[in-house]
Amino acid sequence: MREIEVKVLEIDRAAVESRLAGLGAELLADEHLSAVFFDFPDHRLATAGRLLRLRREGDRNRLTFKRRIKEEGAKVREEREVAVGDFEACRLVLIGLGLEETKAVEKRRTSYRLGAATIAIDHHINEHSFIPEFLEIEAGSVEKMQTVAERLGFAPKVLRP
């Protein structure tokens, strides 16, 4: 699967939620996420533009591999994801294979559906709480993603791949 997304940093959450409501967006979830990122000691995944993440979303656990394809106005990545039954057991398997935990994050995510796009408002908690809330828009193409951003009132210059 291809993932095409862009971020809008330091948003006004109330204004964004008002725009989403006005456009008829559907609330999908408001949940706590925790994620651990992994790489080999020599950082070969990051060096090659790859990412391996184990994430807990409510009662669901997912192992995700991403490979950067390009960044032209949006992050474009190949994404492979698999459901995992036991978060801790999967974490230990990855460590047993020689991977190291490189980063752990926790955040509150509120997700919406607007047409074929998914919009998420992320608020980091705990040690990353200093990061301002931001918006993430994911769509099937860069053009569709940019259209959604414009419908939400964001000019292309504020979008970050």
Foldseek 3Di string as FASTA:
>chain_A
DKWWKWKFFQDDVVLLVVLCVVLPWAWDDWWKKKKWWKAAPVRVQVVQQKTWMWMDTPQWIKIKIWHFDDDDLTTIIDMDMDTDNDSVVVVVVCVVVRMDTDDMWMWIWTWIDRPQKIKIWIQTDDPPNVGHIMMMIIHDDSVVSQVVCVSSPHDSVSIGD
